[in-house]
N, C-alpha and C. Protein backbone atom coordinates (compact mmCIF):
# COMPACT_ATOMS: atom_id res chain seq x y z
N UNK A 1 -13.36 3.51 9.95
CA UNK A 1 -13.62 3.70 11.08
C UNK A 1 -14.92 2.62 11.07
N UNK A 2 -15.11 1.96 12.20
CA UNK A 2 -16.45 1.54 12.16
C UNK A 2 -17.47 2.13 11.84
N UNK A 3 -18.88 1.54 11.91
CA UNK A 3 -19.69 2.02 11.74
C UNK A 3 -21.31 1.36 12.53
N UNK A 4 -22.53 1.99 12.71
CA UNK A 4 -23.48 1.57 13.60
C UNK A 4 -24.30 1.52 12.40
N UNK A 5 -24.70 0.51 12.74
CA UNK A 5 -25.79 0.10 11.92
C UNK A 5 -27.48 -0.84 12.50
N UNK A 6 -28.67 -0.58 11.82
CA UNK A 6 -29.59 -1.24 12.60
C UNK A 6 -29.69 -2.58 11.71
N UNK A 7 -29.22 -2.82 10.29
CA UNK A 7 -28.92 -3.89 9.62
C UNK A 7 -28.11 -4.81 10.31
N UNK A 8 -28.34 -6.19 9.91
CA UNK A 8 -27.06 -7.16 10.79
C UNK A 8 -26.32 -7.09 9.47
N UNK A 9 -24.63 -7.66 10.25
CA UNK A 9 -23.83 -7.35 8.94
C UNK A 9 -23.88 -8.37 7.79
N UNK A 10 -23.71 -8.42 7.09
CA UNK A 10 -23.79 -9.82 5.65
C UNK A 10 -23.23 -10.68 6.11
N UNK A 11 -21.60 -9.91 6.68
CA UNK A 11 -20.36 -11.03 6.69
C UNK A 11 -19.92 -10.75 7.83
N UNK A 12 -19.26 -12.02 8.36
CA UNK A 12 -18.61 -12.08 9.59
C UNK A 12 -17.49 -12.38 9.65
N UNK A 13 -16.55 -12.14 9.95
CA UNK A 13 -14.27 -12.56 10.11
C UNK A 13 -14.21 -12.34 11.18
N UNK A 14 -13.85 -13.47 11.93
CA UNK A 14 -13.21 -13.34 13.21
C UNK A 14 -12.01 -14.07 13.15
N UNK A 15 -10.92 -13.54 14.08
CA UNK A 15 -10.01 -14.49 14.04
C UNK A 15 -9.74 -15.46 14.87
N UNK A 16 -8.77 -16.53 14.67
CA UNK A 16 -9.63 -18.16 14.86
C UNK A 16 -8.28 -17.89 16.19
N UNK A 17 -8.08 -18.90 16.84
CA UNK A 17 -7.21 -19.61 18.11
C UNK A 17 -5.45 -19.77 17.31
N UNK A 18 -5.84 -20.11 16.02
CA UNK A 18 -4.35 -20.03 15.40
C UNK A 18 -3.64 -18.77 14.83
N UNK A 19 -4.78 -17.79 15.07
CA UNK A 19 -4.16 -16.64 13.95
C UNK A 19 -4.41 -16.07 12.77
N UNK A 20 -5.20 -17.25 12.06
CA UNK A 20 -5.36 -17.03 11.23
C UNK A 20 -7.02 -16.79 10.93
N UNK A 21 -8.13 -16.26 9.79
CA UNK A 21 -9.76 -15.66 9.86
C UNK A 21 -10.06 -16.98 9.26
N UNK A 22 -11.78 -16.52 9.88
CA UNK A 22 -12.70 -17.15 9.45
C UNK A 22 -13.64 -16.71 9.04
N UNK A 23 -14.41 -16.84 7.94
CA UNK A 23 -15.26 -16.15 7.16
C UNK A 23 -15.94 -16.76 6.90
N UNK A 24 -17.83 -15.84 7.62
CA UNK A 24 -18.75 -16.99 6.74
C UNK A 24 -20.31 -15.99 6.53
N UNK A 25 -21.21 -15.90 6.10
CA UNK A 25 -22.21 -15.27 5.88
C UNK A 25 -22.93 -15.61 7.35
N UNK A 26 -23.05 -13.89 7.01
CA UNK A 26 -24.55 -13.92 8.64
C UNK A 26 -25.96 -13.94 8.23
N UNK A 27 -26.03 -15.92 9.00
CA UNK A 27 -27.24 -15.94 8.30
C UNK A 27 -28.50 -15.29 8.77
N UNK A 28 -28.39 -14.03 9.94
CA UNK A 28 -29.60 -13.85 10.11
C UNK A 28 -29.84 -12.42 9.22
N UNK A 29 -28.75 -12.16 8.56
CA UNK A 29 -29.02 -11.21 7.10
C UNK A 29 -29.33 -11.78 6.19
N UNK A 30 -29.42 -13.18 5.56
CA UNK A 30 -29.02 -13.59 4.27
C UNK A 30 -31.37 -13.80 4.62
N UNK A 31 -31.64 -13.28 3.62
CA UNK A 31 -33.32 -13.62 3.08
C UNK A 31 -33.49 -15.03 3.16
N UNK A 32 -34.73 -15.83 3.54
CA UNK A 32 -35.27 -17.10 3.96
C UNK A 32 -36.19 -16.77 2.65
N UNK A 33 -36.22 -17.65 1.67
CA UNK A 33 -37.06 -18.24 0.87
C UNK A 33 -37.25 -19.33 -0.04
N UNK A 34 -38.01 -20.09 0.06
CA UNK A 34 -37.75 -21.45 -0.70
C UNK A 34 -38.73 -21.62 -1.55
N UNK A 35 -39.20 -22.52 -2.43
CA UNK A 35 -39.57 -22.77 -3.29
C UNK A 35 -40.32 -24.22 -2.90
N UNK A 36 -41.54 -24.27 -2.78
CA UNK A 36 -42.51 -26.03 -2.06
C UNK A 36 -42.94 -26.29 -3.68
N UNK A 37 -42.17 -27.29 -3.84
CA UNK A 37 -42.40 -27.83 -5.22
C UNK A 37 -43.41 -29.00 -5.18
N UNK A 38 -43.43 -29.36 -3.75
CA UNK A 38 -44.58 -30.42 -3.63
C UNK A 38 -46.24 -29.40 -3.47
N UNK A 39 -46.46 -28.03 -3.53
CA UNK A 39 -46.90 -27.50 -2.99
C UNK A 39 -47.78 -27.16 -4.54
N UNK A 40 -46.37 -27.03 -5.29
CA UNK A 40 -46.60 -26.47 -6.81
C UNK A 40 -47.32 -27.71 -7.83
N UNK A 41 -46.51 -28.89 -7.36
CA UNK A 41 -47.27 -29.83 -8.11
C UNK A 41 -48.79 -30.35 -7.96
N UNK A 42 -48.94 -29.90 -6.46
CA UNK A 42 -50.60 -30.37 -5.67
C UNK A 42 -51.66 -29.58 -6.34
N UNK A 43 -51.05 -28.54 -6.51
CA UNK A 43 -51.59 -26.76 -7.02
C UNK A 43 -51.55 -27.50 -8.74
N UNK A 44 -50.99 -27.68 -9.54
CA UNK A 44 -51.05 -27.92 -10.75
C UNK A 44 -52.05 -29.09 -10.95
N UNK A 45 -51.70 -29.97 -10.26
CA UNK A 45 -52.77 -31.31 -10.61
C UNK A 45 -54.36 -31.16 -10.50
N UNK A 46 -54.08 -30.56 -9.46
CA UNK A 46 -55.83 -30.10 -9.37
C UNK A 46 -56.27 -29.03 -9.71
N UNK A 47 -55.54 -27.92 -10.46
CA UNK A 47 -55.99 -27.26 -11.62
C UNK A 47 -56.71 -27.19 -12.29
N UNK A 48 -57.63 -27.21 -13.51
CA UNK A 48 -58.22 -27.43 -14.01
C UNK A 48 -57.81 -26.38 -15.69
N UNK A 49 -57.71 -25.20 -15.63
CA UNK A 49 -58.12 -23.69 -15.86
C UNK A 49 -56.71 -23.59 -16.63
N UNK A 50 -56.64 -23.48 -17.63
CA UNK A 50 -55.83 -23.46 -18.53
C UNK A 50 -54.47 -22.20 -17.95
N UNK A 51 -55.60 -20.91 -18.20
CA UNK A 51 -54.87 -19.55 -17.88
C UNK A 51 -54.74 -19.57 -16.28
N UNK A 52 -55.49 -20.18 -15.59
CA UNK A 52 -54.51 -20.60 -14.05
C UNK A 52 -53.07 -21.69 -14.08
N UNK A 53 -52.83 -22.21 -14.82
CA UNK A 53 -52.01 -23.51 -14.62
C UNK A 53 -50.64 -22.80 -15.55
N UNK A 54 -51.18 -21.12 -16.25
CA UNK A 54 -49.69 -20.52 -17.09
C UNK A 54 -49.13 -19.80 -15.66
N UNK A 55 -50.38 -19.18 -15.22
CA UNK A 55 -50.11 -17.94 -14.29
C UNK A 55 -49.45 -18.77 -13.03
N UNK A 56 -49.60 -19.76 -12.34
CA UNK A 56 -48.74 -20.70 -11.56
C UNK A 56 -47.96 -21.20 -11.77
N UNK A 57 -47.36 -21.38 -13.20
CA UNK A 57 -46.26 -22.06 -13.74
C UNK A 57 -44.62 -20.87 -13.91
N UNK A 58 -45.56 -19.73 -14.44
CA UNK A 58 -44.89 -18.35 -14.28
C UNK A 58 -44.41 -18.29 -12.69
N UNK A 59 -45.25 -17.85 -11.87
CA UNK A 59 -45.11 -18.15 -10.39
C UNK A 59 -43.96 -18.61 -9.92
N UNK A 60 -44.23 -19.91 -9.85
CA UNK A 60 -42.98 -20.86 -10.03
C UNK A 60 -41.37 -20.96 -10.97
N UNK A 61 -41.67 -20.03 -11.57
CA UNK A 61 -40.59 -20.07 -12.57
C UNK A 61 -39.64 -18.64 -11.75
N UNK A 62 -40.78 -17.47 -11.63
CA UNK A 62 -40.38 -16.18 -11.07
C UNK A 62 -39.37 -16.70 -9.69
N UNK A 63 -40.15 -17.95 -9.13
CA UNK A 63 -39.98 -17.47 -7.75
C UNK A 63 -38.37 -18.56 -7.57
N UNK A 64 -38.06 -19.22 -8.52
CA UNK A 64 -37.38 -20.13 -8.50
C UNK A 64 -35.85 -19.53 -8.96
N UNK A 65 -36.37 -17.93 -10.01
CA UNK A 65 -35.38 -17.44 -10.09
C UNK A 65 -34.46 -16.44 -9.38
N UNK A 66 -35.97 -15.85 -8.42
CA UNK A 66 -34.85 -15.32 -7.26
C UNK A 66 -34.16 -16.14 -6.66
N UNK A 67 -35.12 -17.11 -5.94
CA UNK A 67 -34.07 -17.87 -4.87
C UNK A 67 -32.81 -18.19 -5.50
N UNK A 68 -31.80 -18.59 -7.15
CA UNK A 68 -31.27 -18.59 -7.54
C UNK A 68 -30.17 -17.76 -7.18
N UNK A 69 -31.19 -16.49 -7.87
CA UNK A 69 -30.28 -15.34 -7.49
C UNK A 69 -29.64 -14.92 -6.32
N UNK A 70 -30.25 -14.96 -5.54
CA UNK A 70 -30.34 -14.79 -3.76
C UNK A 70 -28.90 -15.47 -3.65
N UNK A 71 -28.94 -16.73 -3.91
CA UNK A 71 -28.00 -17.56 -3.87
C UNK A 71 -26.72 -17.21 -4.11
N UNK A 72 -26.93 -16.86 -5.38
CA UNK A 72 -25.52 -16.41 -6.10
C UNK A 72 -25.07 -15.08 -5.79
N UNK A 73 -25.85 -14.57 -5.21
CA UNK A 73 -25.24 -13.10 -4.83
C UNK A 73 -24.81 -13.65 -2.97
N UNK A 74 -25.35 -14.28 -2.51
CA UNK A 74 -24.26 -14.88 -1.01
C UNK A 74 -23.45 -16.04 -1.87
N UNK A 75 -23.31 -16.60 -2.51
CA UNK A 75 -21.88 -17.34 -2.77
C UNK A 75 -20.93 -15.87 -3.19
N UNK A 76 -21.02 -14.83 -4.05
CA UNK A 76 -20.28 -13.46 -4.44
C UNK A 76 -19.92 -13.36 -3.42
N UNK A 77 -20.87 -12.66 -2.06
CA UNK A 77 -20.15 -11.86 -1.33
C UNK A 77 -19.69 -12.93 -0.25
N UNK A 78 -19.61 -14.17 -0.12
CA UNK A 78 -18.60 -15.02 0.17
C UNK A 78 -17.23 -14.92 -0.33
N UNK A 79 -17.20 -15.14 -1.59
CA UNK A 79 -15.99 -14.93 -2.26
C UNK A 79 -15.20 -13.36 -2.12
N UNK A 80 -15.82 -12.64 -1.87
CA UNK A 80 -15.53 -11.30 -1.65
C UNK A 80 -14.98 -11.37 -0.39
N UNK A 81 -15.53 -11.67 0.54
CA UNK A 81 -15.06 -11.41 1.87
C UNK A 81 -14.12 -12.67 2.31
N UNK A 82 -13.69 -13.70 1.74
CA UNK A 82 -12.82 -14.61 1.63
C UNK A 82 -11.35 -13.72 0.92
N UNK A 83 -11.56 -13.07 0.16
CA UNK A 83 -10.39 -12.44 -0.49
C UNK A 83 -9.95 -11.34 0.02
N UNK A 84 -10.95 -10.53 0.68
CA UNK A 84 -10.72 -9.20 1.71
C UNK A 84 -10.06 -10.04 2.99
N UNK A 85 -10.21 -10.71 3.85
CA UNK A 85 -9.62 -11.48 4.59
C UNK A 85 -8.21 -11.46 4.39
N UNK A 86 -8.48 -12.21 3.41
CA UNK A 86 -6.68 -11.99 2.51
C UNK A 86 -5.91 -11.15 2.34
N UNK A 87 -6.64 -10.19 1.15
CA UNK A 87 -5.53 -9.09 1.19
C UNK A 87 -5.68 -8.48 2.44
N UNK A 88 -6.36 -7.82 3.39
CA UNK A 88 -6.50 -6.71 4.15
C UNK A 88 -6.17 -7.72 5.53
N UNK A 89 -5.33 -8.77 5.61
CA UNK A 89 -5.03 -9.21 7.33
C UNK A 89 -5.00 -8.02 7.85
N UNK A 90 -3.83 -7.34 8.02
CA UNK A 90 -3.41 -6.27 8.80
C UNK A 90 -4.38 -5.46 9.39
N UNK A 91 -5.52 -4.80 8.51
CA UNK A 91 -6.00 -3.56 8.45
C UNK A 91 -7.46 -4.94 9.59
N UNK A 92 -7.33 -5.91 8.91
CA UNK A 92 -8.80 -6.73 9.94
C UNK A 92 -8.03 -6.94 11.67
N UNK A 93 -6.86 -6.67 11.74
CA UNK A 93 -6.05 -6.55 13.17
C UNK A 93 -6.49 -5.45 14.06
N UNK A 94 -5.72 -4.27 12.96
CA UNK A 94 -5.75 -2.99 13.53
C UNK A 94 -6.73 -1.91 13.43
N UNK A 95 -7.61 -2.05 12.26
CA UNK A 95 -8.44 -1.45 12.41
C UNK A 95 -8.05 0.26 11.31
N UNK A 96 -6.37 0.23 11.19
CA UNK A 96 -6.08 1.32 10.90
C UNK A 96 -5.96 1.50 9.37
N UNK A 97 -6.51 2.99 8.82
CA UNK A 97 -6.47 2.72 7.58
C UNK A 97 -5.16 2.82 6.79
N UNK A 98 -4.14 3.29 6.98
CA UNK A 98 -2.87 2.97 6.67
C UNK A 98 -2.38 1.55 6.47
N UNK A 99 -3.13 0.53 7.47
CA UNK A 99 -2.76 -0.38 7.18
C UNK A 99 -3.17 -1.36 6.03
N UNK A 100 -4.22 -0.46 5.43
CA UNK A 100 -5.26 -1.37 4.18
C UNK A 100 -3.62 -1.50 3.18
N UNK A 101 -4.19 -2.66 2.51
CA UNK A 101 -3.39 -2.66 1.18
C UNK A 101 -3.97 -2.36 0.05
N UNK A 102 -3.48 -1.97 -1.09
CA UNK A 102 -4.21 -1.58 -2.40
C UNK A 102 -5.06 -2.91 -3.03
N UNK A 103 -6.21 -2.39 -3.16
CA UNK A 103 -6.79 -3.24 -3.42
C UNK A 103 -8.56 -2.45 -4.37
N UNK A 104 -8.46 -3.30 -4.83
CA UNK A 104 -9.85 -1.69 -5.73
C UNK A 104 -10.64 -3.65 -6.49
N UNK A 105 -11.93 -2.90 -6.64
CA UNK A 105 -13.19 -3.57 -6.92
C UNK A 105 -12.71 -4.69 -8.21
N UNK A 106 -11.57 -3.94 -9.41
CA UNK A 106 -11.46 -4.69 -10.97
C UNK A 106 -10.70 -5.87 -9.89
N UNK A 107 -9.17 -5.48 -8.81
CA UNK A 107 -8.64 -6.55 -8.41
C UNK A 107 -9.61 -7.60 -7.94
N UNK A 108 -10.48 -7.27 -7.54
CA UNK A 108 -11.22 -8.30 -7.14
C UNK A 108 -11.78 -9.47 -7.62
N UNK A 109 -12.29 -8.66 -8.87
CA UNK A 109 -13.52 -9.36 -10.08
C UNK A 109 -12.96 -10.03 -11.05
N UNK A 110 -11.47 -9.61 -11.00
CA UNK A 110 -10.25 -10.50 -11.85
C UNK A 110 -10.77 -11.76 -10.73
N UNK A 111 -9.51 -11.59 -9.65
CA UNK A 111 -9.53 -12.78 -8.72
C UNK A 111 -10.76 -14.17 -8.71
N UNK A 112 -11.96 -13.14 -8.67
CA UNK A 112 -12.92 -13.92 -7.80
C UNK A 112 -13.30 -14.50 -9.12
N UNK A 113 -13.39 -13.82 -10.16
CA UNK A 113 -13.80 -14.44 -11.81
C UNK A 113 -15.05 -13.97 -12.14
N UNK A 114 -15.06 -12.58 -11.56
CA UNK A 114 -16.40 -12.13 -12.41
C UNK A 114 -16.75 -10.59 -12.43
N UNK A 115 -17.58 -9.89 -13.20
CA UNK A 115 -17.36 -8.67 -13.78
C UNK A 115 -17.61 -7.26 -12.67
N UNK A 116 -16.78 -6.32 -13.04
CA UNK A 116 -16.27 -5.81 -11.91
C UNK A 116 -17.84 -5.32 -11.66
N UNK A 117 -18.85 -4.72 -12.51
CA UNK A 117 -20.17 -4.51 -12.10
C UNK A 117 -20.81 -5.31 -10.98
N UNK A 118 -20.69 -6.55 -11.18
CA UNK A 118 -21.39 -7.93 -10.03
C UNK A 118 -20.45 -7.48 -8.81
N UNK A 119 -19.36 -7.01 -8.54
CA UNK A 119 -18.55 -7.03 -7.51
C UNK A 119 -18.96 -5.34 -6.87
N UNK A 120 -19.21 -4.75 -7.45
CA UNK A 120 -20.30 -3.41 -6.95
C UNK A 120 -21.12 -3.47 -6.40
N UNK A 121 -22.46 -4.29 -7.21
CA UNK A 121 -23.55 -4.59 -6.44
C UNK A 121 -23.32 -5.51 -5.24
N UNK A 122 -22.52 -6.30 -5.55
CA UNK A 122 -22.84 -7.40 -4.41
C UNK A 122 -22.14 -6.50 -2.45
N UNK A 123 -21.20 -5.45 -3.43
CA UNK A 123 -20.82 -4.81 -1.97
C UNK A 123 -22.01 -3.54 -1.53
N UNK A 124 -22.33 -3.07 -2.59
CA UNK A 124 -23.30 -2.02 -2.14
C UNK A 124 -24.01 -2.11 -1.20
N UNK A 125 -23.96 -1.62 0.09
CA UNK A 125 -24.90 -2.25 1.35
C UNK A 125 -24.71 -3.09 2.21
N UNK A 126 -23.37 -3.48 1.83
CA UNK A 126 -22.86 -4.70 2.00
C UNK A 126 -22.06 -4.50 3.60
N UNK A 127 -22.19 -5.23 4.47
CA UNK A 127 -21.15 -4.69 6.26
C UNK A 127 -20.49 -6.15 6.24
N UNK A 128 -19.90 -5.70 7.30
CA UNK A 128 -18.69 -6.50 7.72
C UNK A 128 -18.34 -6.36 8.81
N UNK A 129 -18.70 -8.03 9.96
CA UNK A 129 -18.16 -7.95 11.19
C UNK A 129 -17.36 -8.26 11.48
N UNK A 130 -16.28 -7.20 11.99
CA UNK A 130 -14.69 -8.15 12.52
C UNK A 130 -14.96 -7.90 13.93
N UNK A 131 -13.56 -8.76 14.43
CA UNK A 131 -13.44 -8.38 16.17
C UNK A 131 -13.08 -7.07 16.19
N UNK A 132 -13.11 -5.98 15.37
CA UNK A 132 -12.77 -4.84 15.94
C UNK A 132 -13.80 -3.93 15.72
N UNK A 133 -15.09 -4.74 15.43
CA UNK A 133 -15.63 -3.50 14.79
C UNK A 133 -16.89 -3.99 13.45
N UNK A 134 -17.94 -3.01 12.95
CA UNK A 134 -18.60 -3.51 11.70
C UNK A 134 -18.36 -2.14 11.23
N UNK A 135 -17.99 -2.44 9.61
CA UNK A 135 -17.49 -1.97 8.57
C UNK A 135 -18.30 -1.98 7.53
N UNK A 136 -18.18 -0.70 6.96
CA UNK A 136 -18.58 -1.27 5.33
C UNK A 136 -18.03 -2.07 4.32
N UNK A 137 -18.57 -3.11 3.53
CA UNK A 137 -17.56 -3.90 2.72
C UNK A 137 -16.76 -2.94 2.00
N UNK A 138 -16.74 -1.54 1.36
CA UNK A 138 -16.07 -0.78 0.66
C UNK A 138 -14.92 -0.22 1.46
N UNK A 139 -15.24 -0.59 2.83
CA UNK A 139 -14.20 0.13 3.68
C UNK A 139 -12.54 -1.08 3.65
N UNK A 140 -12.60 -1.87 2.94
CA UNK A 140 -11.73 -2.80 2.86
C UNK A 140 -10.87 -2.40 1.58
N UNK A 141 -11.33 -1.13 0.65
CA UNK A 141 -10.85 -1.51 -0.65
C UNK A 141 -9.45 0.06 -0.17
N UNK A 142 -8.84 -0.12 -1.15
CA UNK A 142 -7.54 1.20 -0.86
C UNK A 142 -7.49 1.11 -2.65
N UNK A 143 -7.33 2.52 -3.02
CA UNK A 143 -6.71 2.52 -4.31
C UNK A 143 -5.53 2.58 -4.31
N UNK A 144 -4.63 1.93 -5.48
CA UNK A 144 -3.28 2.34 -5.26
C UNK A 144 -2.55 3.99 -5.13
N UNK A 145 -1.59 4.02 -4.88
CA UNK A 145 -1.02 5.01 -4.69
C UNK A 145 -1.00 5.77 -6.01
N UNK A 146 -0.08 4.90 -7.54
CA UNK A 146 0.10 5.63 -8.69
C UNK A 146 -0.14 4.44 -9.33
N UNK A 147 0.00 4.32 -10.86
CA UNK A 147 0.29 3.20 -11.67
C UNK A 147 1.94 2.92 -11.74
N UNK A 148 2.79 3.28 -10.77
CA UNK A 148 4.10 3.33 -11.02
C UNK A 148 4.22 2.77 -9.48
N UNK A 149 3.86 2.73 -8.32
CA UNK A 149 3.56 1.99 -7.46
C UNK A 149 2.39 1.25 -7.13
N UNK A 150 2.31 0.63 -7.34
CA UNK A 150 0.51 -0.30 -7.19
C UNK A 150 0.85 -0.92 -5.29
N UNK A 151 1.79 -0.40 -4.87
CA UNK A 151 2.34 -1.47 -3.87
C UNK A 151 1.36 -0.73 -2.46
N UNK A 152 1.63 0.60 -2.97
CA UNK A 152 0.97 1.61 -1.52
C UNK A 152 -0.18 2.29 -1.50
N UNK A 153 -0.17 2.87 -0.96
CA UNK A 153 -1.89 3.96 -0.93
C UNK A 153 -1.61 5.35 -0.70
N UNK A 154 -2.96 5.38 -0.76
CA UNK A 154 -2.67 6.55 -0.48
C UNK A 154 -2.66 7.31 1.19
N UNK A 155 -3.28 6.38 2.06
CA UNK A 155 -3.17 6.74 3.60
C UNK A 155 -1.94 6.64 4.11
N UNK A 156 -0.96 5.61 2.91
CA UNK A 156 0.58 5.17 3.68
C UNK A 156 1.51 6.40 3.36
N UNK A 157 0.87 6.81 1.94
CA UNK A 157 2.08 8.32 1.56
C UNK A 157 1.76 9.27 2.60
N UNK A 158 0.48 9.50 2.98
CA UNK A 158 0.34 10.94 3.65
C UNK A 158 0.60 10.27 5.28
N UNK A 159 0.59 9.47 5.70
CA UNK A 159 1.36 9.14 7.04
C UNK A 159 2.77 9.43 6.73
N UNK A 160 3.66 8.50 6.23
CA UNK A 160 4.43 9.01 5.78
C UNK A 160 5.10 10.35 5.17
N UNK A 161 4.49 10.88 4.89
CA UNK A 161 4.55 12.96 4.93
C UNK A 161 4.45 13.55 5.72
N UNK A 162 3.40 13.03 7.03
CA UNK A 162 2.99 13.57 8.27
C UNK A 162 4.09 13.18 8.84
N UNK A 163 4.95 11.84 9.05
CA UNK A 163 5.99 11.79 9.71
C UNK A 163 7.46 12.78 9.32
N UNK A 164 7.53 12.47 8.37
CA UNK A 164 8.96 13.39 7.36
C UNK A 164 8.54 15.15 7.84
N UNK A 165 7.59 15.52 8.24
CA UNK A 165 7.82 16.85 8.39
C UNK A 165 7.37 16.96 10.18
N UNK A 166 7.53 15.99 10.63
CA UNK A 166 7.34 15.61 12.24
C UNK A 166 8.41 15.79 12.62
N UNK A 167 9.58 15.01 11.94
CA UNK A 167 11.11 14.91 12.08
C UNK A 167 11.69 15.78 11.61
N UNK A 168 11.45 16.35 10.69
CA UNK A 168 12.19 17.59 9.94
C UNK A 168 12.83 18.51 10.82
N UNK A 169 13.88 19.13 10.76
CA UNK A 169 14.72 20.44 11.10
C UNK A 169 14.06 21.18 10.88
N UNK A 170 13.56 21.55 12.29
CA UNK A 170 12.73 22.34 11.65
C UNK A 170 13.25 24.32 11.77
N UNK A 171 14.07 24.19 11.78
CA UNK A 171 14.98 25.24 11.36
C UNK A 171 15.31 25.72 9.50
N UNK A 172 15.19 24.14 8.93
CA UNK A 172 15.69 24.31 7.73
C UNK A 172 14.17 22.85 7.09
N UNK A 173 13.44 23.34 6.81
CA UNK A 173 12.26 22.51 7.35
C UNK A 173 12.16 22.21 5.66
N UNK A 174 11.73 20.57 5.24
CA UNK A 174 11.94 20.53 4.08
C UNK A 174 10.93 21.11 3.00
N UNK A 175 11.24 21.73 1.56
CA UNK A 175 10.22 22.01 0.73
C UNK A 175 9.47 20.95 0.16
N UNK A 176 8.82 20.84 -0.96
CA UNK A 176 7.94 20.20 -0.94
C UNK A 176 8.44 19.53 -2.23
N UNK A 177 9.76 19.88 -2.95
CA UNK A 177 10.38 19.04 -3.81
C UNK A 177 11.33 18.06 -2.85
N UNK A 178 12.10 18.87 -2.19
CA UNK A 178 12.61 17.82 -0.87
C UNK A 178 11.66 16.62 -0.51
N UNK A 179 11.01 16.62 0.39
CA UNK A 179 9.79 15.74 0.45
C UNK A 179 9.62 15.34 -0.71
N UNK A 180 8.95 15.29 -1.90
CA UNK A 180 8.93 14.43 -2.77
C UNK A 180 10.02 13.46 -2.96
N UNK A 181 11.25 14.01 -2.93
CA UNK A 181 12.52 13.43 -3.16
C UNK A 181 12.44 12.21 -2.02
N UNK A 182 12.21 12.43 -0.91
CA UNK A 182 12.34 11.62 0.60
C UNK A 182 11.06 10.31 0.54
N UNK A 183 10.16 10.86 -0.32
CA UNK A 183 9.25 10.10 -0.41
C UNK A 183 9.23 9.14 -1.69
N UNK A 184 9.68 9.57 -2.31
CA UNK A 184 10.18 8.32 -3.85
C UNK A 184 11.29 7.84 -3.32
N UNK A 185 12.71 8.19 -2.14
CA UNK A 185 12.98 7.24 -1.59
C UNK A 185 12.08 5.95 -0.41
N UNK A 186 11.51 6.20 0.01
CA UNK A 186 10.28 5.30 0.79
C UNK A 186 9.56 4.28 -0.34
N UNK A 187 9.48 4.64 -1.48
CA UNK A 187 9.02 3.84 -2.50
C UNK A 187 7.75 4.34 -3.12
N UNK A 188 7.78 5.94 -2.74
CA UNK A 188 6.16 6.38 -2.91
C UNK A 188 6.63 7.99 -3.93
N UNK A 189 6.56 7.65 -5.26
CA UNK A 189 7.11 8.21 -6.05
C UNK A 189 5.51 9.15 -6.41
N UNK A 190 5.95 10.81 -6.19
CA UNK A 190 5.17 11.45 -6.36
C UNK A 190 5.84 13.00 -6.62
N UNK A 191 4.86 14.13 -7.17
CA UNK A 191 5.13 14.36 -7.99
C UNK A 191 5.32 15.97 -6.93
N UNK A 192 6.03 16.90 -6.81
CA UNK A 192 5.86 18.39 -6.11
C UNK A 192 4.62 18.70 -6.04
N UNK A 193 4.06 18.97 -7.24
CA UNK A 193 2.37 19.31 -7.03
C UNK A 193 1.58 18.34 -5.90
N UNK A 194 1.47 17.12 -6.13
CA UNK A 194 0.45 16.08 -5.26
C UNK A 194 1.36 16.51 -3.58
N UNK A 195 2.81 16.55 -3.96
CA UNK A 195 3.02 16.76 -2.43
C UNK A 195 2.25 17.41 -1.91
N UNK A 196 2.30 18.64 -2.57
CA UNK A 196 1.69 19.91 -2.14
C UNK A 196 0.17 19.99 -1.47
N UNK A 197 -0.50 18.71 -2.74
CA UNK A 197 -1.89 18.73 -2.14
C UNK A 197 -2.26 17.83 -1.02
N UNK A 198 -1.00 16.99 -0.82
CA UNK A 198 -1.05 16.47 0.26
C UNK A 198 -1.22 16.99 1.53
N UNK A 199 -0.27 17.98 1.75
CA UNK A 199 0.38 18.54 2.79
C UNK A 199 -1.03 19.49 3.19
N UNK A 200 -1.59 20.25 2.15
CA UNK A 200 -3.03 20.61 2.06
C UNK A 200 -3.96 19.84 3.07
N UNK A 201 -4.28 18.32 2.49
CA UNK A 201 -5.04 17.85 3.21
C UNK A 201 -4.55 17.49 4.26
N UNK A 202 -3.46 17.58 4.91
CA UNK A 202 -3.03 17.29 6.20
C UNK A 202 -3.23 18.63 7.24
N UNK A 203 -3.30 19.75 6.69
CA UNK A 203 -4.08 20.91 7.17
C UNK A 203 -2.08 21.34 7.46
N UNK A 204 -0.79 20.71 6.39
CA UNK A 204 0.17 21.39 6.97
C UNK A 204 0.25 23.02 6.43
N UNK A 205 1.17 23.53 7.18
CA UNK A 205 1.52 24.88 6.11
C UNK A 205 2.83 24.30 5.27
N UNK A 206 3.10 25.72 4.14
CA UNK A 206 4.23 25.14 3.32
C UNK A 206 5.46 25.70 4.58
N UNK A 207 7.15 25.10 3.72
CA UNK A 207 8.06 24.88 4.53
C UNK A 207 8.36 27.13 5.11
N UNK A 208 8.12 27.71 4.67
CA UNK A 208 8.19 28.66 4.47
C UNK A 208 7.30 29.40 6.17
N UNK A 209 6.28 28.61 6.14
CA UNK A 209 5.34 29.17 6.92
C UNK A 209 5.68 28.51 8.47
N UNK A 210 6.34 26.96 7.93
CA UNK A 210 6.93 26.70 9.44
C UNK A 210 7.97 26.78 9.65
N UNK A 211 8.88 27.75 9.02
CA UNK A 211 10.46 28.48 9.50
C UNK A 211 9.19 29.11 9.86
N UNK A 212 9.46 30.13 9.31
CA UNK A 212 8.89 31.22 10.19
C UNK A 212 7.86 30.76 11.83
N UNK A 213 7.17 29.85 11.84
CA UNK A 213 6.75 29.36 13.18
C UNK A 213 7.69 29.29 14.15
N UNK A 214 8.99 28.99 13.57
CA UNK A 214 9.66 28.56 14.48
C UNK A 214 10.96 29.91 15.15
N UNK A 215 10.91 31.19 13.95
CA UNK A 215 11.42 32.02 14.35
C UNK A 215 11.46 33.02 15.42
């Protein structure tokens, strides 16, 4: 679900005329910091105190390190945005959770070639504006349903479960075991216990209660 924030989004993802997506850093959200090399050289040339020169040199070094760190973060955020646009094209178009594809920080880290902790820090507090609204960067992530079925997500399983129950024979509703079998056929294998847990998340009663309701 898009959210509102007073902070300008870090990334902009917009659909192009040809149907593809363009990804760009939002310059308005990027901090502006430059190291004035000329001023540093002039100051060092005019300063005769050794201790002052050491102080100025340390300040210059720290400023340079800060600029490089900010540029590195910006590059990482842009790489993340590019990967998100590639993996979550359908979600970006619709904004529906069930349209997200399985995507984790570990997968992003492997694809971009950085540590998972780097991805975590870059995405923390990062927001992305799309044509459908502004989202937290983490909204583009979705865990696989399980280790056996890495091509599906929990949101997709919940949607499928809800549909199965909505279209069942109300006089003979599916048991959780039968629902597990139907989900397995749809490529979403899970245990009966997991089905019961997901059904509870949807606030849907068990088969006995659903049958009694129709009686």
